[in-house]
Amino acid sequence: MIYILTGTIRSGKTTALEKWVGTRHDVDGLLSPDNDNGKRYFLKVKSKKEFEFEVETELENKNEEIIEIGPFKFLKSAFVEANEFLISNPFEAVNKYLIIDELGKLELKNEGLHVSAERLIPEFENNENSHLILVVRDYLVDAVLKHYSITEHSIITKEDLEALT
């Protein structure tokens, strides 16, 4: 089953997921919260390992390839690591949920977390025992559903998380 967790920009989707996963032992995947400087980083749910992906300027990481979208600058290497983690990390039987935070404009251009989304969505779409939670901004839901040919899904908001069993 695929759940599309949606809401407006900066509405607390990731914060709600962080709180929700803190009470569970059957969830893995990636969250993308903000650090103290307001820059997003990836957080591996189970291991709590962090790695940066949003940077201030290209000068900070002159040896890194940068992906720019609007005013944001992201490390291409971080998306490579994130995709590898999501794809190669075997989904353990003890995990009922896998989170990809988030699918957006980059993924619609076949960048960012596109590789893992493209691979994982078909595996979860008709699976009744394991669930994929995709975080998608409200105005991009239709585009993401079309881009990944998702037909079987449930739209949820952060308020619906506690009802997931």
N, C-alpha and C. Protein backbone atom coordinates (compact mmCIF):
# COMPACT_ATOMS: atom_id res chain seq x y z
N MET A 1 0.84 -1.18 0.00
CA MET A 1 0.00 0.00 0.00
C MET A 1 0.89 1.24 0.00
N ILE A 2 0.47 2.21 -0.76
CA ILE A 2 1.20 3.47 -0.81
C ILE A 2 0.35 4.55 -0.16
N TYR A 3 0.97 5.25 0.77
CA TYR A 3 0.33 6.41 1.40
C TYR A 3 1.04 7.65 0.89
N ILE A 4 0.28 8.63 0.46
CA ILE A 4 0.82 9.92 0.05
C ILE A 4 0.53 10.88 1.20
N LEU A 5 1.58 11.24 1.96
CA LEU A 5 1.44 12.19 3.05
C LEU A 5 1.61 13.57 2.45
N THR A 6 0.56 14.36 2.51
CA THR A 6 0.59 15.65 1.83
C THR A 6 0.19 16.79 2.76
N GLY A 7 0.55 17.96 2.34
CA GLY A 7 0.26 19.20 3.05
C GLY A 7 0.98 20.33 2.35
N THR A 8 0.77 21.52 2.82
CA THR A 8 1.41 22.68 2.21
C THR A 8 2.88 22.74 2.62
N ILE A 9 3.61 23.63 1.98
CA ILE A 9 5.02 23.84 2.31
C ILE A 9 5.13 24.30 3.76
N ARG A 10 6.11 23.73 4.47
CA ARG A 10 6.39 24.12 5.85
C ARG A 10 5.18 23.94 6.78
N SER A 11 4.41 22.90 6.54
CA SER A 11 3.23 22.66 7.38
C SER A 11 3.47 21.62 8.46
N GLY A 12 4.71 21.12 8.57
CA GLY A 12 5.03 20.19 9.65
C GLY A 12 4.93 18.72 9.29
N LYS A 13 4.97 18.40 8.01
CA LYS A 13 4.87 16.99 7.58
C LYS A 13 6.04 16.17 8.14
N THR A 14 7.25 16.66 7.96
CA THR A 14 8.43 15.92 8.42
C THR A 14 8.47 15.88 9.94
N THR A 15 8.13 16.96 10.60
CA THR A 15 8.11 17.00 12.06
C THR A 15 7.11 15.98 12.60
N ALA A 16 5.94 15.89 11.97
CA ALA A 16 4.92 14.91 12.39
C ALA A 16 5.45 13.49 12.19
N LEU A 17 6.15 13.26 11.08
CA LEU A 17 6.73 11.93 10.84
C LEU A 17 7.79 11.60 11.88
N GLU A 18 8.64 12.57 12.22
CA GLU A 18 9.67 12.34 13.24
C GLU A 18 9.03 11.92 14.56
N LYS A 19 7.98 12.60 14.94
CA LYS A 19 7.27 12.27 16.18
C LYS A 19 6.66 10.87 16.07
N TRP A 20 6.02 10.58 14.94
CA TRP A 20 5.36 9.30 14.73
C TRP A 20 6.35 8.14 14.77
N VAL A 21 7.48 8.26 14.07
CA VAL A 21 8.45 7.16 14.05
C VAL A 21 9.11 6.97 15.41
N GLY A 22 9.13 8.02 16.22
CA GLY A 22 9.71 7.91 17.55
C GLY A 22 8.95 6.98 18.47
N THR A 23 7.71 6.68 18.13
CA THR A 23 6.89 5.80 18.95
C THR A 23 6.78 4.40 18.37
N ARG A 24 7.48 4.14 17.27
CA ARG A 24 7.33 2.87 16.56
C ARG A 24 8.69 2.20 16.35
N HIS A 25 8.63 0.87 16.11
CA HIS A 25 9.85 0.11 15.83
C HIS A 25 9.73 -0.61 14.49
N ASP A 26 8.70 -0.28 13.73
CA ASP A 26 8.45 -0.98 12.47
C ASP A 26 8.53 -0.05 11.26
N VAL A 27 9.40 0.98 11.36
CA VAL A 27 9.52 1.99 10.31
C VAL A 27 10.98 2.20 9.96
N ASP A 28 11.28 2.34 8.67
CA ASP A 28 12.60 2.73 8.22
C ASP A 28 12.43 3.70 7.06
N GLY A 29 13.52 4.14 6.50
CA GLY A 29 13.46 5.08 5.39
C GLY A 29 14.25 6.33 5.67
N LEU A 30 13.91 7.39 4.96
CA LEU A 30 14.62 8.66 5.08
C LEU A 30 13.66 9.81 5.36
N LEU A 31 14.04 10.63 6.32
CA LEU A 31 13.34 11.88 6.59
C LEU A 31 14.28 13.01 6.18
N SER A 32 13.70 14.18 5.90
CA SER A 32 14.55 15.33 5.56
C SER A 32 14.16 16.54 6.41
N PRO A 33 14.53 16.49 7.70
CA PRO A 33 14.24 17.63 8.58
C PRO A 33 15.23 18.77 8.35
N ASP A 34 14.97 19.89 9.02
CA ASP A 34 15.86 21.05 8.97
C ASP A 34 16.83 20.99 10.15
N ASN A 35 18.06 21.46 9.92
CA ASN A 35 19.02 21.57 11.02
C ASN A 35 18.84 22.93 11.71
N ASP A 36 19.70 23.24 12.65
CA ASP A 36 19.58 24.50 13.40
C ASP A 36 19.75 25.73 12.52
N ASN A 37 20.39 25.56 11.36
CA ASN A 37 20.58 26.68 10.43
C ASN A 37 19.49 26.75 9.37
N GLY A 38 18.47 25.90 9.50
CA GLY A 38 17.37 25.92 8.54
C GLY A 38 17.66 25.16 7.25
N LYS A 39 18.77 24.41 7.21
CA LYS A 39 19.12 23.63 6.03
C LYS A 39 18.69 22.18 6.24
N ARG A 40 18.14 21.60 5.19
CA ARG A 40 17.68 20.22 5.29
C ARG A 40 18.84 19.23 5.21
N TYR A 41 18.64 18.11 5.90
CA TYR A 41 19.60 17.00 5.87
C TYR A 41 18.79 15.71 5.82
N PHE A 42 19.44 14.62 5.46
CA PHE A 42 18.77 13.33 5.47
C PHE A 42 19.00 12.66 6.81
N LEU A 43 17.96 12.02 7.32
CA LEU A 43 18.01 11.28 8.57
C LEU A 43 17.50 9.87 8.28
N LYS A 44 18.40 8.88 8.48
CA LYS A 44 17.99 7.49 8.32
C LYS A 44 17.16 7.12 9.55
N VAL A 45 15.94 6.68 9.33
CA VAL A 45 14.98 6.50 10.42
C VAL A 45 15.47 5.52 11.48
N LYS A 46 15.84 4.32 11.09
CA LYS A 46 16.22 3.29 12.08
C LYS A 46 17.54 3.59 12.78
N SER A 47 18.56 3.90 12.00
CA SER A 47 19.89 4.08 12.58
C SER A 47 20.11 5.47 13.16
N LYS A 48 19.26 6.42 12.81
CA LYS A 48 19.37 7.82 13.23
C LYS A 48 20.62 8.50 12.67
N LYS A 49 21.24 7.88 11.65
CA LYS A 49 22.42 8.49 11.01
C LYS A 49 21.95 9.66 10.14
N GLU A 50 22.76 10.73 10.18
CA GLU A 50 22.44 11.95 9.43
C GLU A 50 23.50 12.20 8.37
N PHE A 51 23.08 12.79 7.26
CA PHE A 51 24.05 13.31 6.29
C PHE A 51 23.43 14.49 5.56
N GLU A 52 24.28 15.50 5.31
CA GLU A 52 23.77 16.74 4.74
C GLU A 52 23.44 16.59 3.27
N PHE A 53 22.46 17.39 2.82
CA PHE A 53 22.22 17.45 1.38
C PHE A 53 21.91 18.85 0.89
N GLU A 54 21.46 19.75 1.75
CA GLU A 54 21.24 21.13 1.31
C GLU A 54 22.41 21.98 1.78
N VAL A 55 22.95 22.77 0.87
CA VAL A 55 24.09 23.61 1.21
C VAL A 55 23.78 25.06 0.88
N GLU A 56 24.55 25.95 1.48
CA GLU A 56 24.34 27.39 1.31
C GLU A 56 24.82 27.87 -0.06
N THR A 57 26.07 27.54 -0.37
CA THR A 57 26.65 28.02 -1.62
C THR A 57 27.50 26.91 -2.24
N GLU A 58 27.78 27.07 -3.50
CA GLU A 58 28.65 26.12 -4.19
C GLU A 58 30.07 26.19 -3.66
N LEU A 59 30.46 27.34 -3.12
CA LEU A 59 31.83 27.50 -2.62
C LEU A 59 32.10 26.61 -1.42
N GLU A 60 31.07 26.32 -0.61
CA GLU A 60 31.25 25.45 0.55
C GLU A 60 31.73 24.07 0.12
N ASN A 61 31.27 23.63 -1.03
CA ASN A 61 31.54 22.26 -1.47
C ASN A 61 32.09 22.28 -2.89
N LYS A 62 33.21 22.97 -3.06
CA LYS A 62 33.73 23.18 -4.41
C LYS A 62 34.12 21.89 -5.13
N ASN A 63 34.31 20.80 -4.39
CA ASN A 63 34.64 19.54 -5.03
C ASN A 63 33.41 18.66 -5.25
N GLU A 64 32.23 19.18 -4.97
CA GLU A 64 30.99 18.43 -5.07
C GLU A 64 30.15 18.95 -6.22
N GLU A 65 29.42 18.03 -6.85
CA GLU A 65 28.44 18.45 -7.84
C GLU A 65 27.20 18.93 -7.11
N ILE A 66 26.65 20.04 -7.56
CA ILE A 66 25.50 20.66 -6.93
C ILE A 66 24.30 20.59 -7.88
N ILE A 67 23.13 20.28 -7.31
CA ILE A 67 21.88 20.35 -8.06
C ILE A 67 21.13 21.56 -7.54
N GLU A 68 20.74 22.45 -8.44
CA GLU A 68 20.00 23.64 -8.02
C GLU A 68 18.57 23.55 -8.50
N ILE A 69 17.65 23.91 -7.59
CA ILE A 69 16.25 24.02 -7.97
C ILE A 69 15.71 25.23 -7.22
N GLY A 70 15.31 26.23 -7.98
CA GLY A 70 14.91 27.49 -7.36
C GLY A 70 16.07 28.05 -6.57
N PRO A 71 15.82 28.52 -5.36
CA PRO A 71 16.90 29.08 -4.53
C PRO A 71 17.70 28.03 -3.77
N PHE A 72 17.35 26.76 -3.95
CA PHE A 72 17.98 25.69 -3.16
C PHE A 72 19.13 25.02 -3.90
N LYS A 73 20.16 24.65 -3.13
CA LYS A 73 21.33 23.95 -3.65
C LYS A 73 21.50 22.66 -2.87
N PHE A 74 21.59 21.55 -3.61
CA PHE A 74 21.69 20.24 -2.98
C PHE A 74 22.92 19.50 -3.49
N LEU A 75 23.50 18.69 -2.62
CA LEU A 75 24.65 17.86 -2.99
C LEU A 75 24.16 16.65 -3.78
N LYS A 76 24.66 16.51 -4.99
CA LYS A 76 24.29 15.36 -5.81
C LYS A 76 24.70 14.06 -5.12
N SER A 77 25.85 14.07 -4.46
CA SER A 77 26.34 12.87 -3.77
C SER A 77 25.39 12.42 -2.66
N ALA A 78 24.69 13.36 -2.04
CA ALA A 78 23.74 13.00 -0.98
C ALA A 78 22.56 12.22 -1.56
N PHE A 79 22.12 12.61 -2.74
CA PHE A 79 21.02 11.88 -3.37
C PHE A 79 21.47 10.50 -3.83
N VAL A 80 22.72 10.38 -4.25
CA VAL A 80 23.26 9.06 -4.61
C VAL A 80 23.23 8.17 -3.38
N GLU A 81 23.72 8.68 -2.26
CA GLU A 81 23.74 7.90 -1.02
C GLU A 81 22.32 7.57 -0.57
N ALA A 82 21.41 8.53 -0.66
CA ALA A 82 20.02 8.31 -0.23
C ALA A 82 19.35 7.24 -1.08
N ASN A 83 19.51 7.32 -2.39
CA ASN A 83 18.91 6.32 -3.28
C ASN A 83 19.49 4.94 -3.02
N GLU A 84 20.81 4.86 -2.85
CA GLU A 84 21.45 3.57 -2.57
C GLU A 84 20.92 2.99 -1.26
N PHE A 85 20.77 3.83 -0.24
CA PHE A 85 20.26 3.37 1.05
C PHE A 85 18.84 2.81 0.88
N LEU A 86 17.98 3.55 0.23
CA LEU A 86 16.59 3.12 0.09
C LEU A 86 16.45 1.86 -0.75
N ILE A 87 17.26 1.73 -1.78
CA ILE A 87 17.14 0.57 -2.67
C ILE A 87 17.86 -0.66 -2.13
N SER A 88 19.08 -0.49 -1.66
CA SER A 88 19.89 -1.65 -1.29
C SER A 88 19.61 -2.14 0.12
N ASN A 89 19.03 -1.29 0.95
CA ASN A 89 18.71 -1.70 2.30
C ASN A 89 17.49 -2.61 2.23
N PRO A 90 17.70 -3.92 2.41
CA PRO A 90 16.56 -4.82 2.26
C PRO A 90 15.47 -4.47 3.26
N PHE A 91 14.26 -4.43 2.76
CA PHE A 91 13.14 -4.09 3.63
C PHE A 91 12.88 -5.27 4.55
N GLU A 92 13.24 -5.11 5.81
CA GLU A 92 13.14 -6.19 6.77
C GLU A 92 11.69 -6.49 7.12
N ALA A 93 11.44 -7.76 7.45
CA ALA A 93 10.08 -8.18 7.80
C ALA A 93 9.55 -7.43 9.02
N VAL A 94 10.46 -6.98 9.90
CA VAL A 94 10.02 -6.26 11.09
C VAL A 94 9.54 -4.84 10.77
N ASN A 95 9.86 -4.38 9.57
CA ASN A 95 9.43 -3.04 9.16
C ASN A 95 8.12 -3.13 8.38
N LYS A 96 7.16 -2.38 8.84
CA LYS A 96 5.87 -2.35 8.17
C LYS A 96 5.78 -1.14 7.23
N TYR A 97 6.57 -0.11 7.53
CA TYR A 97 6.54 1.13 6.76
C TYR A 97 7.93 1.54 6.30
N LEU A 98 7.99 2.10 5.10
CA LEU A 98 9.20 2.70 4.57
C LEU A 98 8.82 4.11 4.14
N ILE A 99 9.64 5.10 4.52
CA ILE A 99 9.34 6.51 4.24
C ILE A 99 10.33 7.07 3.23
N ILE A 100 9.80 7.80 2.25
CA ILE A 100 10.63 8.61 1.36
C ILE A 100 10.15 10.05 1.52
N ASP A 101 11.00 10.89 2.10
CA ASP A 101 10.68 12.29 2.38
C ASP A 101 11.64 13.17 1.61
N GLU A 102 11.36 13.73 0.53
CA GLU A 102 10.08 13.83 -0.08
C GLU A 102 10.21 13.70 -1.59
N LEU A 103 9.11 13.57 -2.29
CA LEU A 103 9.10 13.60 -3.75
C LEU A 103 8.58 14.96 -4.17
N GLY A 104 9.36 15.62 -5.04
CA GLY A 104 8.98 16.98 -5.45
C GLY A 104 9.44 17.29 -6.85
N LYS A 105 9.79 18.56 -7.05
CA LYS A 105 10.16 19.04 -8.39
C LYS A 105 11.38 18.32 -8.96
N LEU A 106 12.36 18.01 -8.11
CA LEU A 106 13.54 17.29 -8.60
C LEU A 106 13.16 15.92 -9.14
N GLU A 107 12.33 15.21 -8.39
CA GLU A 107 11.94 13.85 -8.79
C GLU A 107 11.10 13.88 -10.06
N LEU A 108 10.32 14.92 -10.24
CA LEU A 108 9.53 15.06 -11.47
C LEU A 108 10.42 15.32 -12.68
N LYS A 109 11.67 15.72 -12.41
CA LYS A 109 12.67 15.89 -13.48
C LYS A 109 13.64 14.71 -13.52
N ASN A 110 13.24 13.60 -12.87
CA ASN A 110 14.05 12.37 -12.81
C ASN A 110 15.38 12.57 -12.09
N GLU A 111 15.38 13.44 -11.09
CA GLU A 111 16.57 13.69 -10.27
C GLU A 111 16.21 13.41 -8.81
N GLY A 112 17.09 13.80 -7.90
CA GLY A 112 16.80 13.65 -6.48
C GLY A 112 16.60 12.19 -6.09
N LEU A 113 15.47 11.89 -5.49
CA LEU A 113 15.16 10.53 -5.01
C LEU A 113 14.37 9.73 -6.05
N HIS A 114 14.43 10.16 -7.30
CA HIS A 114 13.68 9.51 -8.37
C HIS A 114 14.04 8.03 -8.53
N VAL A 115 15.32 7.70 -8.50
CA VAL A 115 15.76 6.33 -8.73
C VAL A 115 15.11 5.38 -7.73
N SER A 116 15.14 5.74 -6.46
CA SER A 116 14.56 4.85 -5.44
C SER A 116 13.04 4.84 -5.53
N ALA A 117 12.43 5.98 -5.79
CA ALA A 117 10.96 6.03 -5.91
C ALA A 117 10.50 5.15 -7.07
N GLU A 118 11.18 5.27 -8.19
CA GLU A 118 10.81 4.50 -9.38
C GLU A 118 10.92 2.99 -9.12
N ARG A 119 11.92 2.60 -8.36
CA ARG A 119 12.14 1.19 -8.08
C ARG A 119 11.18 0.67 -7.01
N LEU A 120 10.92 1.47 -5.96
CA LEU A 120 10.16 0.99 -4.81
C LEU A 120 8.64 1.08 -4.99
N ILE A 121 8.16 2.08 -5.69
CA ILE A 121 6.70 2.25 -5.81
C ILE A 121 6.01 1.00 -6.34
N PRO A 122 6.48 0.39 -7.43
CA PRO A 122 5.79 -0.83 -7.90
C PRO A 122 5.82 -1.97 -6.89
N GLU A 123 6.87 -2.05 -6.08
CA GLU A 123 6.97 -3.12 -5.08
C GLU A 123 5.93 -2.97 -3.97
N PHE A 124 5.53 -1.76 -3.68
CA PHE A 124 4.62 -1.51 -2.57
C PHE A 124 3.17 -1.29 -3.00
N GLU A 125 2.96 -0.95 -4.26
CA GLU A 125 1.63 -0.50 -4.69
C GLU A 125 0.52 -1.50 -4.36
N ASN A 126 0.75 -2.76 -4.54
CA ASN A 126 -0.30 -3.76 -4.26
C ASN A 126 0.06 -4.67 -3.10
N ASN A 127 0.95 -4.20 -2.24
CA ASN A 127 1.38 -4.98 -1.09
C ASN A 127 0.52 -4.60 0.11
N GLU A 128 -0.19 -5.54 0.67
CA GLU A 128 -1.08 -5.24 1.79
C GLU A 128 -0.37 -5.30 3.14
N ASN A 129 0.83 -5.87 3.18
CA ASN A 129 1.54 -6.04 4.45
C ASN A 129 2.60 -4.99 4.71
N SER A 130 3.15 -4.42 3.66
CA SER A 130 4.18 -3.40 3.79
C SER A 130 3.71 -2.13 3.10
N HIS A 131 4.06 -1.01 3.70
CA HIS A 131 3.53 0.27 3.21
C HIS A 131 4.65 1.27 2.95
N LEU A 132 4.49 2.01 1.87
CA LEU A 132 5.42 3.06 1.49
C LEU A 132 4.74 4.39 1.75
N ILE A 133 5.38 5.25 2.53
CA ILE A 133 4.86 6.59 2.79
C ILE A 133 5.70 7.56 1.98
N LEU A 134 5.05 8.23 1.04
CA LEU A 134 5.71 9.23 0.21
C LEU A 134 5.25 10.61 0.67
N VAL A 135 6.19 11.48 0.99
CA VAL A 135 5.85 12.84 1.38
C VAL A 135 5.84 13.68 0.10
N VAL A 136 4.70 14.35 -0.14
CA VAL A 136 4.52 15.13 -1.37
C VAL A 136 3.78 16.42 -1.02
N ARG A 137 4.28 17.54 -1.48
CA ARG A 137 3.57 18.81 -1.26
C ARG A 137 2.22 18.77 -1.98
N ASP A 138 1.24 19.40 -1.37
CA ASP A 138 -0.13 19.30 -1.86
C ASP A 138 -0.28 19.66 -3.34
N TYR A 139 0.40 20.68 -3.80
CA TYR A 139 0.23 21.12 -5.18
C TYR A 139 0.95 20.22 -6.20
N LEU A 140 1.72 19.24 -5.71
CA LEU A 140 2.43 18.33 -6.62
C LEU A 140 1.86 16.91 -6.63
N VAL A 141 0.84 16.65 -5.83
CA VAL A 141 0.31 15.29 -5.71
C VAL A 141 -0.10 14.72 -7.06
N ASP A 142 -0.90 15.44 -7.82
CA ASP A 142 -1.37 14.92 -9.11
C ASP A 142 -0.21 14.65 -10.06
N ALA A 143 0.76 15.54 -10.08
CA ALA A 143 1.93 15.36 -10.96
C ALA A 143 2.74 14.14 -10.55
N VAL A 144 2.91 13.92 -9.25
CA VAL A 144 3.67 12.75 -8.77
C VAL A 144 2.92 11.46 -9.08
N LEU A 145 1.61 11.45 -8.85
CA LEU A 145 0.82 10.25 -9.16
C LEU A 145 0.94 9.90 -10.64
N LYS A 146 0.88 10.91 -11.48
CA LYS A 146 0.98 10.67 -12.94
C LYS A 146 2.40 10.24 -13.32
N HIS A 147 3.40 10.93 -12.80
CA HIS A 147 4.80 10.66 -13.15
C HIS A 147 5.20 9.22 -12.82
N TYR A 148 4.73 8.73 -11.67
CA TYR A 148 5.09 7.38 -11.24
C TYR A 148 3.99 6.36 -11.51
N SER A 149 2.97 6.76 -12.25
CA SER A 149 1.85 5.87 -12.60
C SER A 149 1.27 5.17 -11.38
N ILE A 150 1.08 5.94 -10.32
CA ILE A 150 0.51 5.38 -9.08
C ILE A 150 -1.01 5.40 -9.20
N THR A 151 -1.60 4.23 -9.14
CA THR A 151 -3.06 4.14 -9.21
C THR A 151 -3.66 3.73 -7.86
N GLU A 152 -2.98 2.85 -7.15
CA GLU A 152 -3.46 2.38 -5.85
C GLU A 152 -2.73 3.13 -4.75
N HIS A 153 -3.45 4.00 -4.05
CA HIS A 153 -2.82 4.80 -3.00
C HIS A 153 -3.90 5.36 -2.08
N SER A 154 -3.43 5.91 -0.98
CA SER A 154 -4.32 6.59 -0.05
C SER A 154 -3.67 7.92 0.30
N ILE A 155 -4.42 9.00 0.20
CA ILE A 155 -3.92 10.33 0.56
C ILE A 155 -4.15 10.53 2.05
N ILE A 156 -3.08 10.91 2.76
CA ILE A 156 -3.19 11.17 4.19
C ILE A 156 -2.56 12.52 4.53
N THR A 157 -2.93 13.03 5.68
CA THR A 157 -2.30 14.25 6.21
C THR A 157 -1.57 13.87 7.50
N LYS A 158 -0.83 14.80 8.04
CA LYS A 158 -0.07 14.50 9.26
C LYS A 158 -1.00 14.08 10.40
N GLU A 159 -2.22 14.58 10.40
CA GLU A 159 -3.18 14.21 11.44
C GLU A 159 -3.61 12.75 11.34
N ASP A 160 -3.45 12.15 10.16
CA ASP A 160 -3.85 10.76 9.96
C ASP A 160 -2.80 9.75 10.39
N LEU A 161 -1.57 10.19 10.67
CA LEU A 161 -0.48 9.27 10.99
C LEU A 161 -0.80 8.37 12.19
N GLU A 162 -1.34 8.94 13.23
CA GLU A 162 -1.59 8.15 14.44
C GLU A 162 -2.57 7.02 14.20
N ALA A 163 -3.40 7.13 13.16
CA ALA A 163 -4.38 6.08 12.87
C ALA A 163 -3.75 4.89 12.12
N LEU A 164 -2.53 5.07 11.62
CA LEU A 164 -1.88 3.96 10.91
C LEU A 164 -1.43 2.92 11.93
N THR A 165 -1.80 1.68 11.66
CA THR A 165 -1.46 0.62 12.62
C THR A 165 -0.36 -0.27 12.09
